[in-house]
Amino acid sequence: EMAVMESGNVDLTLRRGETRDYVFYFGPRDMTLPRFDLTGKAIEMRITPKGGSEIVYSAVNPGCYLSNAAAGEITINPSGAMKAAYTFQNAPYYVTLDGKRLFHGSITVQSLNE
């Protein structure tokens, strides 16, 4: 579980072949206040490997969805098979909410036994 604020930077390490949920909560900087209600919003994750094709995950193309929109909860969960197909070791990514960049960072891909 990770909390993110608007325009936050979050680096991720993903393991090839492993199916795991990465859960984020979107809310105000003052964590004592309620998280943002994301009901009805469109969420996407875009991975942009250098020299490769952009990878897009959303509720339509599974891998990134609002798991509890009313509580500001976002889950990123590309399947083990999806990650096994990655041809990159590191790539930048960003997550958008209704087309606006919400947070971004770098993805590092490791094998299961690293």
PDB file of N, CA and C in Angstrom:
ATOM      1  N   GLU A   1       0.839  -1.184   0.000  1.00  0.00           N
ATOM      2  CA  GLU A   1       0.000   0.000   0.000  1.00  0.00           C
ATOM      3  C   GLU A   1       0.875   1.235   0.000  1.00  0.00           C
ATOM      4  N   MET A   2       0.528   2.171  -0.866  1.00  0.00           N
ATOM      5  CA  MET A   2       1.272   3.411  -0.949  1.00  0.00           C
ATOM      6  C   MET A   2       0.307   4.558  -1.102  1.00  0.00           C
ATOM      7  N   ALA A   3       0.625   5.666  -0.472  1.00  0.00           N
ATOM      8  CA  ALA A   3      -0.169   6.876  -0.631  1.00  0.00           C
ATOM      9  C   ALA A   3       0.511   7.734  -1.684  1.00  0.00           C
ATOM     10  N   VAL A   4      -0.260   8.339  -2.565  1.00  0.00           N
ATOM     11  CA  VAL A   4       0.306   9.238  -3.567  1.00  0.00           C
ATOM     12  C   VAL A   4      -0.445  10.554  -3.556  1.00  0.00           C
ATOM     13  N   MET A   5       0.302  11.611  -3.759  1.00  0.00           N
ATOM     14  CA  MET A   5      -0.276  12.926  -3.921  1.00  0.00           C
ATOM     15  C   MET A   5      -0.166  13.288  -5.398  1.00  0.00           C
ATOM     16  N   GLU A   6      -0.913  14.270  -5.813  1.00  0.00           N
ATOM     17  CA  GLU A   6      -0.882  14.701  -7.196  1.00  0.00           C
ATOM     18  C   GLU A   6       0.546  14.974  -7.639  1.00  0.00           C
ATOM     19  N   SER A   7       0.887  14.520  -8.833  1.00  0.00           N
ATOM     20  CA  SER A   7       2.209  14.700  -9.432  1.00  0.00           C
ATOM     21  C   SER A   7       3.314  14.021  -8.638  1.00  0.00           C
ATOM     22  N   GLY A   8       2.980  13.021  -7.858  1.00  0.00           N
ATOM     23  CA  GLY A   8       3.981  12.306  -7.074  1.00  0.00           C
ATOM     24  C   GLY A   8       4.857  11.416  -7.939  1.00  0.00           C
ATOM     25  N   ASN A   9       6.040  11.085  -7.423  1.00  0.00           N
ATOM     26  CA  ASN A   9       6.966  10.186  -8.097  1.00  0.00           C
ATOM     27  C   ASN A   9       7.023   8.884  -7.298  1.00  0.00           C
ATOM     28  N   VAL A  10       6.719   7.761  -7.953  1.00  0.00           N
ATOM     29  CA  VAL A  10       6.736   6.453  -7.299  1.00  0.00           C
ATOM     30  C   VAL A  10       7.463   5.479  -8.216  1.00  0.00           C
ATOM     31  N   ASP A  11       8.622   4.976  -7.767  1.00  0.00           N
ATOM     32  CA  ASP A  11       9.349   3.974  -8.539  1.00  0.00           C
ATOM     33  C   ASP A  11       8.867   2.584  -8.132  1.00  0.00           C
ATOM     34  N   LEU A  12       8.722   1.703  -9.118  1.00  0.00           N
ATOM     35  CA  LEU A  12       8.208   0.349  -8.878  1.00  0.00           C
ATOM     36  C   LEU A  12       9.210  -0.697  -9.329  1.00  0.00           C
ATOM     37  N   THR A  13       9.270  -1.803  -8.608  1.00  0.00           N
ATOM     38  CA  THR A  13      10.020  -2.976  -9.037  1.00  0.00           C
ATOM     39  C   THR A  13       9.008  -4.094  -9.263  1.00  0.00           C
ATOM     40  N   LEU A  14       8.957  -4.580 -10.491  1.00  0.00           N
ATOM     41  CA  LEU A  14       8.029  -5.650 -10.863  1.00  0.00           C
ATOM     42  C   LEU A  14       8.837  -6.909 -11.141  1.00  0.00           C
ATOM     43  N   ARG A  15       8.291  -8.049 -10.772  1.00  0.00           N
ATOM     44  CA  ARG A  15       8.972  -9.323 -11.026  1.00  0.00           C
ATOM     45  C   ARG A  15       8.267 -10.061 -12.160  1.00  0.00           C
ATOM     46  N   ARG A  16       9.070 -10.466 -13.151  1.00  0.00           N
ATOM     47  CA  ARG A  16       8.528 -11.241 -14.277  1.00  0.00           C
ATOM     48  C   ARG A  16       7.851 -12.500 -13.744  1.00  0.00           C
ATOM     49  N   GLY A  17       6.688 -12.822 -14.273  1.00  0.00           N
ATOM     50  CA  GLY A  17       6.018 -14.062 -13.913  1.00  0.00           C
ATOM     51  C   GLY A  17       5.232 -14.006 -12.612  1.00  0.00           C
ATOM     52  N   GLU A  18       5.346 -12.911 -11.853  1.00  0.00           N
ATOM     53  CA  GLU A  18       4.635 -12.801 -10.573  1.00  0.00           C
ATOM     54  C   GLU A  18       3.376 -11.960 -10.745  1.00  0.00           C
ATOM     55  N   THR A  19       2.245 -12.469 -10.256  1.00  0.00           N
ATOM     56  CA  THR A  19       1.011 -11.688 -10.263  1.00  0.00           C
ATOM     57  C   THR A  19       0.834 -11.124  -8.859  1.00  0.00           C
ATOM     58  N   ARG A  20       0.831  -9.805  -8.760  1.00  0.00           N
ATOM     59  CA  ARG A  20       0.766  -9.134  -7.465  1.00  0.00           C
ATOM     60  C   ARG A  20       0.043  -7.807  -7.621  1.00  0.00           C
ATOM     61  N   ASP A  21      -0.714  -7.424  -6.608  1.00  0.00           N
ATOM     62  CA  ASP A  21      -1.393  -6.124  -6.615  1.00  0.00           C
ATOM     63  C   ASP A  21      -0.496  -5.062  -5.990  1.00  0.00           C
ATOM     64  N   TYR A  22      -0.426  -3.915  -6.648  1.00  0.00           N
ATOM     65  CA  TYR A  22       0.237  -2.727  -6.108  1.00  0.00           C
ATOM     66  C   TYR A  22      -0.883  -1.722  -5.870  1.00  0.00           C
ATOM     67  N   VAL A  23      -1.172  -1.433  -4.612  1.00  0.00           N
ATOM     68  CA  VAL A  23      -2.324  -0.601  -4.268  1.00  0.00           C
ATOM     69  C   VAL A  23      -1.852   0.792  -3.851  1.00  0.00           C
ATOM     70  N   PHE A  24      -2.483   1.800  -4.425  1.00  0.00           N
ATOM     71  CA  PHE A  24      -2.175   3.199  -4.138  1.00  0.00           C
ATOM     72  C   PHE A  24      -3.446   3.890  -3.658  1.00  0.00           C
ATOM     73  N   TYR A  25      -3.277   4.867  -2.794  1.00  0.00           N
ATOM     74  CA  TYR A  25      -4.401   5.688  -2.326  1.00  0.00           C
ATOM     75  C   TYR A  25      -4.122   7.120  -2.710  1.00  0.00           C
ATOM     76  N   PHE A  26      -5.097   7.769  -3.347  1.00  0.00           N
ATOM     77  CA  PHE A  26      -4.937   9.143  -3.793  1.00  0.00           C
ATOM     78  C   PHE A  26      -5.712  10.067  -2.866  1.00  0.00           C
ATOM     79  N   GLY A  27      -5.000  11.011  -2.274  1.00  0.00           N
ATOM     80  CA  GLY A  27      -5.650  11.928  -1.340  1.00  0.00           C
ATOM     81  C   GLY A  27      -4.853  13.200  -1.156  1.00  0.00           C
ATOM     82  N   PRO A  28      -5.351  14.076  -0.306  1.00  0.00           N
ATOM     83  CA  PRO A  28      -4.662  15.348  -0.059  1.00  0.00           C
ATOM     84  C   PRO A  28      -3.356  15.124   0.708  1.00  0.00           C
ATOM     85  N   ARG A  29      -2.487  16.115   0.647  1.00  0.00           N
ATOM     86  CA  ARG A  29      -1.203  16.024   1.363  1.00  0.00           C
ATOM     87  C   ARG A  29      -1.418  15.826   2.860  1.00  0.00           C
ATOM     88  N   ASP A  30      -2.468  16.435   3.388  1.00  0.00           N
ATOM     89  CA  ASP A  30      -2.818  16.260   4.805  1.00  0.00           C
ATOM     90  C   ASP A  30      -3.542  14.926   4.927  1.00  0.00           C
ATOM     91  N   MET A  31      -2.804  13.905   5.362  1.00  0.00           N
ATOM     92  CA  MET A  31      -3.341  12.548   5.389  1.00  0.00           C
ATOM     93  C   MET A  31      -4.442  12.354   6.438  1.00  0.00           C
ATOM     94  N   THR A  32      -4.720  13.358   7.248  1.00  0.00           N
ATOM     95  CA  THR A  32      -5.824  13.240   8.202  1.00  0.00           C
ATOM     96  C   THR A  32      -7.163  13.522   7.516  1.00  0.00           C
ATOM     97  N   LEU A  33      -7.108  14.120   6.322  1.00  0.00           N
ATOM     98  CA  LEU A  33      -8.325  14.418   5.563  1.00  0.00           C
ATOM     99  C   LEU A  33      -8.732  13.196   4.745  1.00  0.00           C
ATOM    100  N   PRO A  34     -10.018  13.108   4.372  1.00  0.00           N
ATOM    101  CA  PRO A  34     -10.476  11.956   3.579  1.00  0.00           C
ATOM    102  C   PRO A  34      -9.776  11.894   2.221  1.00  0.00           C
ATOM    103  N   ARG A  35      -9.610  10.686   1.710  1.00  0.00           N
ATOM    104  CA  ARG A  35      -9.043  10.509   0.368  1.00  0.00           C
ATOM    105  C   ARG A  35     -10.019  11.040  -0.670  1.00  0.00           C
ATOM    106  N   PHE A  36      -9.501  11.293  -1.870  1.00  0.00           N
ATOM    107  CA  PHE A  36     -10.335  11.810  -2.951  1.00  0.00           C
ATOM    108  C   PHE A  36     -11.269  10.731  -3.485  1.00  0.00           C
ATOM    109  N   ASP A  37     -12.496  11.115  -3.790  1.00  0.00           N
ATOM    110  CA  ASP A  37     -13.484  10.221  -4.398  1.00  0.00           C
ATOM    111  C   ASP A  37     -13.225  10.211  -5.900  1.00  0.00           C
ATOM    112  N   LEU A  38     -12.898   9.066  -6.450  1.00  0.00           N
ATOM    113  CA  LEU A  38     -12.563   8.933  -7.872  1.00  0.00           C
ATOM    114  C   LEU A  38     -13.684   8.279  -8.678  1.00  0.00           C
ATOM    115  N   THR A  39     -14.873   8.197  -8.091  1.00  0.00           N
ATOM    116  CA  THR A  39     -16.013   7.575  -8.755  1.00  0.00           C
ATOM    117  C   THR A  39     -16.248   8.217 -10.120  1.00  0.00           C
ATOM    118  N   GLY A  40     -16.395   7.375 -11.146  1.00  0.00           N
ATOM    119  CA  GLY A  40     -16.684   7.853 -12.499  1.00  0.00           C
ATOM    120  C   GLY A  40     -15.460   8.317 -13.268  1.00  0.00           C
ATOM    121  N   LYS A  41     -14.283   8.247 -12.673  1.00  0.00           N
ATOM    122  CA  LYS A  41     -13.056   8.693 -13.339  1.00  0.00           C
ATOM    123  C   LYS A  41     -12.439   7.547 -14.144  1.00  0.00           C
ATOM    124  N   ALA A  42     -11.696   7.894 -15.164  1.00  0.00           N
ATOM    125  CA  ALA A  42     -10.991   6.905 -15.990  1.00  0.00           C
ATOM    126  C   ALA A  42      -9.524   6.895 -15.588  1.00  0.00           C
ATOM    127  N   ILE A  43      -9.004   5.701 -15.285  1.00  0.00           N
ATOM    128  CA  ILE A  43      -7.611   5.557 -14.858  1.00  0.00           C
ATOM    129  C   ILE A  43      -6.850   4.743 -15.905  1.00  0.00           C
ATOM    130  N   GLU A  44      -5.615   5.145 -16.189  1.00  0.00           N
ATOM    131  CA  GLU A  44      -4.766   4.413 -17.124  1.00  0.00           C
ATOM    132  C   GLU A  44      -3.330   4.437 -16.625  1.00  0.00           C
ATOM    133  N   MET A  45      -2.598   3.393 -16.947  1.00  0.00           N
ATOM    134  CA  MET A  45      -1.153   3.344 -16.709  1.00  0.00           C
ATOM    135  C   MET A  45      -0.491   3.170 -18.062  1.00  0.00           C
ATOM    136  N   ARG A  46       0.512   4.003 -18.336  1.00  0.00           N
ATOM    137  CA  ARG A  46       1.240   3.936 -19.603  1.00  0.00           C
ATOM    138  C   ARG A  46       2.724   3.733 -19.329  1.00  0.00           C
ATOM    139  N   ILE A  47       3.279   2.665 -19.885  1.00  0.00           N
ATOM    140  CA  ILE A  47       4.704   2.366 -19.762  1.00  0.00           C
ATOM    141  C   ILE A  47       5.326   2.690 -21.115  1.00  0.00           C
ATOM    142  N   THR A  48       6.418   3.464 -21.096  1.00  0.00           N
ATOM    143  CA  THR A  48       7.015   3.921 -22.348  1.00  0.00           C
ATOM    144  C   THR A  48       8.481   3.472 -22.451  1.00  0.00           C
ATOM    145  N   PRO A  49       8.708   2.185 -22.794  1.00  0.00           N
ATOM    146  CA  PRO A  49      10.084   1.695 -22.912  1.00  0.00           C
ATOM    147  C   PRO A  49      10.815   2.352 -24.078  1.00  0.00           C
ATOM    148  N   LYS A  50      12.075   2.713 -23.859  1.00  0.00           N
ATOM    149  CA  LYS A  50      12.883   3.344 -24.906  1.00  0.00           C
ATOM    150  C   LYS A  50      13.019   2.374 -26.085  1.00  0.00           C
ATOM    151  N   GLY A  51      12.674   2.848 -27.270  1.00  0.00           N
ATOM    152  CA  GLY A  51      12.795   2.023 -28.471  1.00  0.00           C
ATOM    153  C   GLY A  51      11.733   0.950 -28.616  1.00  0.00           C
ATOM    154  N   GLY A  52      10.768   0.909 -27.691  1.00  0.00           N
ATOM    155  CA  GLY A  52       9.714  -0.104 -27.755  1.00  0.00           C
ATOM    156  C   GLY A  52       8.343   0.525 -27.859  1.00  0.00           C
ATOM    157  N   SER A  53       7.342  -0.312 -28.008  1.00  0.00           N
ATOM    158  CA  SER A  53       5.967   0.174 -28.092  1.00  0.00           C
ATOM    159  C   SER A  53       5.437   0.511 -26.707  1.00  0.00           C
ATOM    160  N   GLU A  54       4.628   1.554 -26.649  1.00  0.00           N
ATOM    161  CA  GLU A  54       3.992   1.937 -25.395  1.00  0.00           C
ATOM    162  C   GLU A  54       3.042   0.826 -24.949  1.00  0.00           C
ATOM    163  N   ILE A  55       3.034   0.551 -23.640  1.00  0.00           N
ATOM    164  CA  ILE A  55       2.140  -0.449 -23.052  1.00  0.00           C
ATOM    165  C   ILE A  55       1.097   0.319 -22.250  1.00  0.00           C
ATOM    166  N   VAL A  56      -0.182   0.040 -22.505  1.00  0.00           N
ATOM    167  CA  VAL A  56      -1.254   0.759 -21.821  1.00  0.00           C
ATOM    168  C   VAL A  56      -2.112  -0.230 -21.038  1.00  0.00           C
ATOM    169  N   TYR A  57      -2.291   0.043 -19.754  1.00  0.00           N
ATOM    170  CA  TYR A  57      -3.183  -0.743 -18.903  1.00  0.00           C
ATOM    171  C   TYR A  57      -4.317   0.155 -18.430  1.00  0.00           C
ATOM    172  N   SER A  58      -5.501  -0.414 -18.361  1.00  0.00           N
ATOM    173  CA  SER A  58      -6.677   0.317 -17.873  1.00  0.00           C
ATOM    174  C   SER A  58      -7.691  -0.714 -17.395  1.00  0.00           C
ATOM    175  N   ALA A  59      -8.886  -0.253 -17.062  1.00  0.00           N
ATOM    176  CA  ALA A  59      -9.949  -1.187 -16.692  1.00  0.00           C
ATOM    177  C   ALA A  59     -10.377  -1.995 -17.919  1.00  0.00           C
ATOM    178  N   VAL A  60     -10.215  -1.413 -19.125  1.00  0.00           N
ATOM    179  CA  VAL A  60     -10.578  -2.087 -20.374  1.00  0.00           C
ATOM    180  C   VAL A  60      -9.493  -3.098 -20.754  1.00  0.00           C
ATOM    181  N   ASN A  61      -8.236  -2.680 -20.667  1.00  0.00           N
ATOM    182  CA  ASN A  61      -7.079  -3.557 -20.930  1.00  0.00           C
ATOM    183  C   ASN A  61      -6.467  -3.843 -19.561  1.00  0.00           C
ATOM    184  N   PRO A  62      -6.915  -4.902 -18.891  1.00  0.00           N
ATOM    185  CA  PRO A  62      -6.615  -5.095 -17.470  1.00  0.00           C
ATOM    186  C   PRO A  62      -5.150  -4.867 -17.088  1.00  0.00           C
ATOM    187  N   GLY A  63      -4.992  -4.394 -15.854  1.00  0.00           N
ATOM    188  CA  GLY A  63      -3.668  -4.119 -15.333  1.00  0.00           C
ATOM    189  C   GLY A  63      -3.639  -2.873 -14.474  1.00  0.00           C
ATOM    190  N   CYS A  64      -4.668  -2.016 -14.613  1.00  0.00           N
ATOM    191  CA  CYS A  64      -4.764  -0.799 -13.800  1.00  0.00           C
ATOM    192  C   CYS A  64      -6.242  -0.428 -13.692  1.00  0.00           C
ATOM    193  N   TYR A  65      -6.739  -0.332 -12.464  1.00  0.00           N
ATOM    194  CA  TYR A  65      -8.156  -0.021 -12.302  1.00  0.00           C
ATOM    195  C   TYR A  65      -8.411   0.635 -10.949  1.00  0.00           C
ATOM    196  N   LEU A  66      -9.589   1.208 -10.805  1.00  0.00           N
ATOM    197  CA  LEU A  66     -10.016   1.800  -9.535  1.00  0.00           C
ATOM    198  C   LEU A  66     -10.654   0.691  -8.707  1.00  0.00           C
ATOM    199  N   SER A  67      -9.928   0.212  -7.705  1.00  0.00           N
ATOM    200  CA  SER A  67     -10.409  -0.913  -6.910  1.00  0.00           C
ATOM    201  C   SER A  67     -11.419  -0.486  -5.859  1.00  0.00           C
ATOM    202  N   ASN A  68     -11.357   0.766  -5.411  1.00  0.00           N
ATOM    203  CA  ASN A  68     -12.361   1.338  -4.508  1.00  0.00           C
ATOM    204  C   ASN A  68     -12.379   2.831  -4.791  1.00  0.00           C
ATOM    205  N   ALA A  69     -13.109   3.206  -5.853  1.00  0.00           N
ATOM    206  CA  ALA A  69     -13.094   4.588  -6.334  1.00  0.00           C
ATOM    207  C   ALA A  69     -13.491   5.594  -5.261  1.00  0.00           C
ATOM    208  N   ALA A  70     -14.507   5.279  -4.486  1.00  0.00           N
ATOM    209  CA  ALA A  70     -14.996   6.226  -3.471  1.00  0.00           C
ATOM    210  C   ALA A  70     -13.943   6.521  -2.413  1.00  0.00           C
ATOM    211  N   ALA A  71     -13.017   5.578  -2.192  1.00  0.00           N
ATOM    212  CA  ALA A  71     -11.960   5.754  -1.186  1.00  0.00           C
ATOM    213  C   ALA A  71     -10.610   6.101  -1.827  1.00  0.00           C
ATOM    214  N   GLY A  72     -10.613   6.502  -3.102  1.00  0.00           N
ATOM    215  CA  GLY A  72      -9.377   6.912  -3.753  1.00  0.00           C
ATOM    216  C   GLY A  72      -8.375   5.792  -3.970  1.00  0.00           C
ATOM    217  N   GLU A  73      -8.859   4.546  -4.092  1.00  0.00           N
ATOM    218  CA  GLU A  73      -7.957   3.392  -4.193  1.00  0.00           C
ATOM    219  C   GLU A  73      -7.734   2.984  -5.641  1.00  0.00           C
ATOM    220  N   ILE A  74      -6.446   2.895  -6.021  1.00  0.00           N
ATOM    221  CA  ILE A  74      -6.022   2.515  -7.366  1.00  0.00           C
ATOM    222  C   ILE A  74      -5.194   1.244  -7.247  1.00  0.00           C
ATOM    223  N   THR A  75      -5.479   0.250  -8.095  1.00  0.00           N
ATOM    224  CA  THR A  75      -4.684  -0.979  -8.091  1.00  0.00           C
ATOM    225  C   THR A  75      -4.022  -1.155  -9.445  1.00  0.00           C
ATOM    226  N   ILE A  76      -2.720  -1.404  -9.403  1.00  0.00           N
ATOM    227  CA  ILE A  76      -1.949  -1.755 -10.593  1.00  0.00           C
ATOM    228  C   ILE A  76      -1.602  -3.230 -10.440  1.00  0.00           C
ATOM    229  N   ASN A  77      -2.004  -4.043 -11.416  1.00  0.00           N
ATOM    230  CA  ASN A  77      -1.771  -5.483 -11.277  1.00  0.00           C
ATOM    231  C   ASN A  77      -1.623  -6.203 -12.614  1.00  0.00           C
ATOM    232  N   PRO A  78      -0.598  -5.827 -13.402  1.00  0.00           N
ATOM    233  CA  PRO A  78      -0.385  -6.613 -14.621  1.00  0.00           C
ATOM    234  C   PRO A  78      -0.087  -8.062 -14.244  1.00  0.00           C
ATOM    235  N   SER A  79      -0.652  -8.983 -14.981  1.00  0.00           N
ATOM    236  CA  SER A  79      -0.487 -10.411 -14.656  1.00  0.00           C
ATOM    237  C   SER A  79       0.959 -10.854 -14.846  1.00  0.00           C
ATOM    238  N   GLY A  80       1.281 -11.991 -14.267  1.00  0.00           N
ATOM    239  CA  GLY A  80       2.610 -12.559 -14.433  1.00  0.00           C
ATOM    240  C   GLY A  80       2.940 -12.780 -15.899  1.00  0.00           C
ATOM    241  N   ALA A  81       1.957 -13.211 -16.680  1.00  0.00           N
ATOM    242  CA  ALA A  81       2.170 -13.449 -18.114  1.00  0.00           C
ATOM    243  C   ALA A  81       2.468 -12.139 -18.839  1.00  0.00           C
ATOM    244  N   MET A  82       1.754 -11.056 -18.453  1.00  0.00           N
ATOM    245  CA  MET A  82       2.013  -9.752 -19.073  1.00  0.00           C
ATOM    246  C   MET A  82       3.445  -9.318 -18.798  1.00  0.00           C
ATOM    247  N   LYS A  83       3.879  -9.457 -17.536  1.00  0.00           N
ATOM    248  CA  LYS A  83       5.229  -9.026 -17.167  1.00  0.00           C
ATOM    249  C   LYS A  83       6.294  -9.929 -17.769  1.00  0.00           C
ATOM    250  N   ALA A  84       5.986 -11.214 -17.973  1.00  0.00           N
ATOM    251  CA  ALA A  84       6.943 -12.137 -18.588  1.00  0.00           C
ATOM    252  C   ALA A  84       7.256 -11.714 -20.021  1.00  0.00           C
ATOM    253  N   ALA A  85       6.325 -11.008 -20.656  1.00  0.00           N
ATOM    254  CA  ALA A  85       6.506 -10.576 -22.044  1.00  0.00           C
ATOM    255  C   ALA A  85       7.302  -9.274 -22.162  1.00  0.00           C
ATOM    256  N   TYR A  86       7.588  -8.598 -21.044  1.00  0.00           N
ATOM    257  CA  TYR A  86       8.355  -7.347 -21.102  1.00  0.00           C
ATOM    258  C   TYR A  86       9.731  -7.615 -21.700  1.00  0.00           C
ATOM    259  N   THR A  87      10.159  -6.749 -22.590  1.00  0.00           N
ATOM    260  CA  THR A  87      11.480  -6.886 -23.203  1.00  0.00           C
ATOM    261  C   THR A  87      12.436  -5.819 -22.686  1.00  0.00           C
ATOM    262  N   PHE A  88      12.062  -5.114 -21.638  1.00  0.00           N
ATOM    263  CA  PHE A  88      12.899  -4.043 -21.085  1.00  0.00           C
ATOM    264  C   PHE A  88      13.255  -4.352 -19.631  1.00  0.00           C
ATOM    265  N   GLN A  89      14.320  -3.740 -19.142  1.00  0.00           N
ATOM    266  CA  GLN A  89      14.727  -3.856 -17.736  1.00  0.00           C
ATOM    267  C   GLN A  89      14.226  -2.651 -16.937  1.00  0.00           C
ATOM    268  N   ASN A  90      14.275  -1.476 -17.572  1.00  0.00           N
ATOM    269  CA  ASN A  90      13.822  -0.233 -16.932  1.00  0.00           C
ATOM    270  C   ASN A  90      13.040   0.565 -17.947  1.00  0.00           C
ATOM    271  N   ALA A  91      11.994   1.231 -17.473  1.00  0.00           N
ATOM    272  CA  ALA A  91      11.203   2.086 -18.356  1.00  0.00           C
ATOM    273  C   ALA A  91      10.440   3.103 -17.513  1.00  0.00           C
ATOM    274  N   PRO A  92      10.256   4.302 -18.051  1.00  0.00           N
ATOM    275  CA  PRO A  92       9.404   5.264 -17.357  1.00  0.00           C
ATOM    276  C   PRO A  92       7.939   4.875 -17.518  1.00  0.00           C
ATOM    277  N   TYR A  93       7.129   5.291 -16.565  1.00  0.00           N
ATOM    278  CA  TYR A  93       5.690   5.058 -16.658  1.00  0.00           C
ATOM    279  C   TYR A  93       4.975   6.260 -16.060  1.00  0.00           C
ATOM    280  N   TYR A  94       3.699   6.369 -16.363  1.00  0.00           N
ATOM    281  CA  TYR A  94       2.862   7.361 -15.694  1.00  0.00           C
ATOM    282  C   TYR A  94       1.434   6.846 -15.630  1.00  0.00           C
ATOM    283  N   VAL A  95       0.720   7.324 -14.622  1.00  0.00           N
ATOM    284  CA  VAL A  95      -0.679   6.965 -14.413  1.00  0.00           C
ATOM    285  C   VAL A  95      -1.497   8.232 -14.593  1.00  0.00           C
ATOM    286  N   THR A  96      -2.560   8.127 -15.392  1.00  0.00           N
ATOM    287  CA  THR A  96      -3.425   9.284 -15.621  1.00  0.00           C
ATOM    288  C   THR A  96      -4.814   9.044 -15.032  1.00  0.00           C
ATOM    289  N   LEU A  97      -5.429  10.130 -14.635  1.00  0.00           N
ATOM    290  CA  LEU A  97      -6.803  10.130 -14.142  1.00  0.00           C
ATOM    291  C   LEU A  97      -7.565  11.099 -15.025  1.00  0.00           C
ATOM    292  N   ASP A  98      -8.522  10.585 -15.801  1.00  0.00           N
ATOM    293  CA  ASP A  98      -9.239  11.388 -16.794  1.00  0.00           C
ATOM    294  C   ASP A  98      -8.275  12.148 -17.700  1.00  0.00           C
ATOM    295  N   GLY A  99      -7.178  11.481 -18.090  1.00  0.00           N
ATOM    296  CA  GLY A  99      -6.214  12.065 -19.018  1.00  0.00           C
ATOM    297  C   GLY A  99      -5.175  12.973 -18.389  1.00  0.00           C
ATOM    298  N   LYS A 100      -5.307  13.302 -17.113  1.00  0.00           N
ATOM    299  CA  LYS A 100      -4.351  14.177 -16.431  1.00  0.00           C
ATOM    300  C   LYS A 100      -3.348  13.313 -15.671  1.00  0.00           C
ATOM    301  N   ARG A 101      -2.061  13.632 -15.807  1.00  0.00           N
ATOM    302  CA  ARG A 101      -1.029  12.843 -15.134  1.00  0.00           C
ATOM    303  C   ARG A 101      -1.209  12.921 -13.625  1.00  0.00           C
ATOM    304  N   LEU A 102      -1.359  11.765 -13.016  1.00  0.00           N
ATOM    305  CA  LEU A 102      -1.602  11.674 -11.575  1.00  0.00           C
ATOM    306  C   LEU A 102      -0.293  11.429 -10.826  1.00  0.00           C
ATOM    307  N   PHE A 103       0.441  10.398 -11.236  1.00  0.00           N
ATOM    308  CA  PHE A 103       1.775  10.156 -10.698  1.00  0.00           C
ATOM    309  C   PHE A 103       2.597   9.412 -11.735  1.00  0.00           C
ATOM    310  N   HIS A 104       3.894   9.364 -11.516  1.00  0.00           N
ATOM    311  CA  HIS A 104       4.802   8.789 -12.506  1.00  0.00           C
ATOM    312  C   HIS A 104       6.014   8.219 -11.798  1.00  0.00           C
ATOM    313  N   GLY A 105       6.864   7.584 -12.563  1.00  0.00           N
ATOM    314  CA  GLY A 105       8.091   7.045 -11.993  1.00  0.00           C
ATOM    315  C   GLY A 105       8.790   6.138 -12.977  1.00  0.00           C
ATOM    316  N   SER A 106       9.603   5.262 -12.437  1.00  0.00           N
ATOM    317  CA  SER A 106      10.368   4.321 -13.232  1.00  0.00           C
ATOM    318  C   SER A 106      10.024   2.898 -12.791  1.00  0.00           C
ATOM    319  N   ILE A 107       9.947   2.005 -13.761  1.00  0.00           N
ATOM    320  CA  ILE A 107       9.716   0.590 -13.476  1.00  0.00           C
ATOM    321  C   ILE A 107      11.022  -0.158 -13.709  1.00  0.00           C
ATOM    322  N   THR A 108      11.397  -0.969 -12.747  1.00  0.00           N
ATOM    323  CA  THR A 108      12.525  -1.889 -12.904  1.00  0.00           C
ATOM    324  C   THR A 108      11.939  -3.295 -12.904  1.00  0.00           C
ATOM    325  N   VAL A 109      12.331  -4.086 -13.902  1.00  0.00           N
ATOM    326  CA  VAL A 109      11.811  -5.452 -14.028  1.00  0.00           C
ATOM    327  C   VAL A 109      12.906  -6.428 -13.607  1.00  0.00           C
ATOM    328  N   GLN A 110      12.553  -7.359 -12.733  1.00  0.00           N
ATOM    329  CA  GLN A 110      13.493  -8.390 -12.275  1.00  0.00           C
ATOM    330  C   GLN A 110      12.896  -9.763 -12.539  1.00  0.00           C
ATOM    331  N   SER A 111      13.760 -10.761 -12.597  1.00  0.00           N
ATOM    332  CA  SER A 111      13.254 -12.141 -12.688  1.00  0.00           C
ATOM    333  C   SER A 111      12.814 -12.578 -11.300  1.00  0.00           C
ATOM    334  N   LEU A 112      12.044 -13.635 -11.213  1.00  0.00           N
ATOM    335  CA  LEU A 112      11.504 -14.090  -9.932  1.00  0.00           C
ATOM    336  C   LEU A 112      12.577 -14.429  -8.913  1.00  0.00           C
ATOM    337  N   ASN A 113      13.743 -14.885  -9.368  1.00  0.00           N
ATOM    338  CA  ASN A 113      14.769 -15.302  -8.406  1.00  0.00           C
ATOM    339  C   ASN A 113      15.831 -14.237  -8.145  1.00  0.00           C
ATOM    340  N   GLU A 114      15.594 -13.000  -8.531  1.00  0.00           N
ATOM    341  CA  GLU A 114      16.542 -11.914  -8.221  1.00  0.00           C
ATOM    342  C   GLU A 114      16.288 -11.383  -6.834  1.00  0.00           C
TER     343      GLU A 114
END
